Structure formats: C-alpha cells, structure tokens
C-alpha atoms as a PDB file:
ATOM      1  CA  MET A   1      21.641  16.226 -11.965  1.00  0.00           C
ATOM      2  CA  LYS A   2      20.637  12.845 -13.393  1.00  0.00           C
ATOM      3  CA  LYS A   3      21.603  11.068 -10.179  1.00  0.00           C
ATOM      4  CA  ILE A   4      19.242  13.223  -8.092  1.00  0.00           C
ATOM      5  CA  LYS A   5      16.431  12.647 -10.580  1.00  0.00           C
ATOM      6  CA  LYS A   6      16.926   8.878 -10.378  1.00  0.00           C
ATOM      7  CA  GLN A   7      16.912   8.898  -6.566  1.00  0.00           C
ATOM      8  CA  ARG A   8      13.743  10.986  -6.519  1.00  0.00           C
ATOM      9  CA  TRP A   9      12.099   8.580  -8.980  1.00  0.00           C
ATOM     10  CA  GLN A  10      13.114   5.595  -6.826  1.00  0.00           C
ATOM     11  CA  SER A  11      11.727   7.173  -3.662  1.00  0.00           C
ATOM     12  CA  LEU A  12       8.469   7.926  -5.491  1.00  0.00           C
ATOM     13  CA  ASN A  13       8.339   4.284  -6.580  1.00  0.00           C
ATOM     14  CA  ASN A  14       8.906   3.143  -2.995  1.00  0.00           C
ATOM     15  CA  GLN A  15       6.108   5.423  -1.788  1.00  0.00           C
ATOM     16  CA  ASN A  16       3.796   3.932  -4.418  1.00  0.00           C
ATOM     17  CA  LYS A  17       4.696   0.401  -3.310  1.00  0.00           C
ATOM     18  CA  GLN A  18       4.047   1.270   0.342  1.00  0.00           C
ATOM     19  CA  PHE A  19       0.753   2.894  -0.612  1.00  0.00           C
ATOM     20  CA  LYS A  20      -0.339  -0.161  -2.602  1.00  0.00           C
ATOM     21  CA  ASN A  21       0.692  -2.468   0.247  1.00  0.00           C
ATOM     22  CA  GLY A  22      -1.238  -0.332   2.692  1.00  0.00           C
ATOM     23  CA  LYS A  23      -4.292  -0.439   0.456  1.00  0.00           C
ATOM     24  CA  ASN A  24      -4.047  -4.231   0.175  1.00  0.00           C
ATOM     25  CA  GLU A  25      -3.773  -4.544   3.961  1.00  0.00           C
ATOM     26  CA  MET A  26      -6.836  -2.322   4.365  1.00  0.00           C
ATOM     27  CA  VAL A  27      -8.826  -4.429   1.886  1.00  0.00           C
ATOM     28  CA  LYS A  28      -7.783  -7.620   3.673  1.00  0.00           C
ATOM     29  CA  GLY A  29      -8.743  -6.063   6.999  1.00  0.00           C
ATOM     30  CA  ASN A  30     -12.138  -5.014   5.645  1.00  0.00           C
ATOM     31  CA  LYS A  31     -12.843  -8.496   4.276  1.00  0.00           C
ATOM     32  CA  TYR A  32     -11.864 -10.028   7.599  1.00  0.00           C
ATOM     33  CA  GLN A  33     -14.080  -7.543   9.461  1.00  0.00           C
ATOM     34  CA  ILE A  34     -17.054  -8.322   7.208  1.00  0.00           C
ATOM     35  CA  GLN A  35     -16.567 -12.084   7.682  1.00  0.00           C
ATOM     36  CA  LYS A  36     -16.470 -11.608  11.462  1.00  0.00           C
ATOM     37  CA  GLU A  37     -19.676  -9.571  11.374  1.00  0.00           C
ATOM     38  CA  MET A  38     -21.417 -12.164   9.199  1.00  0.00           C
ATOM     39  CA  ILE A  39     -20.422 -14.973  11.572  1.00  0.00           C
ATOM     40  CA  ALA A  40     -21.475 -12.981  14.657  1.00  0.00           C
END
C-alpha cells in the first residue's frame, strides 16, 4: 500500500518537473521570438 503511494507521488513529481521544464522552454522560446521580431 505505502509502496504504491510513494511511486504515485514520485510520478506526480516527475510530471511537475517536466511541466516546469516545458514552461521554461516556452518562456525562453517566447523571449527569443520577441528579440527576433525586434531586430527584424
């Protein structure tokens, strides 16, 4: 019972990390896009 709970918690944590990483990549991409548009 406890083992399953721990695994579920870990997978939730991993999903959160991936989500945060994805958000960071999106923000970086947006900044890069804005810089390109300003230069153009």
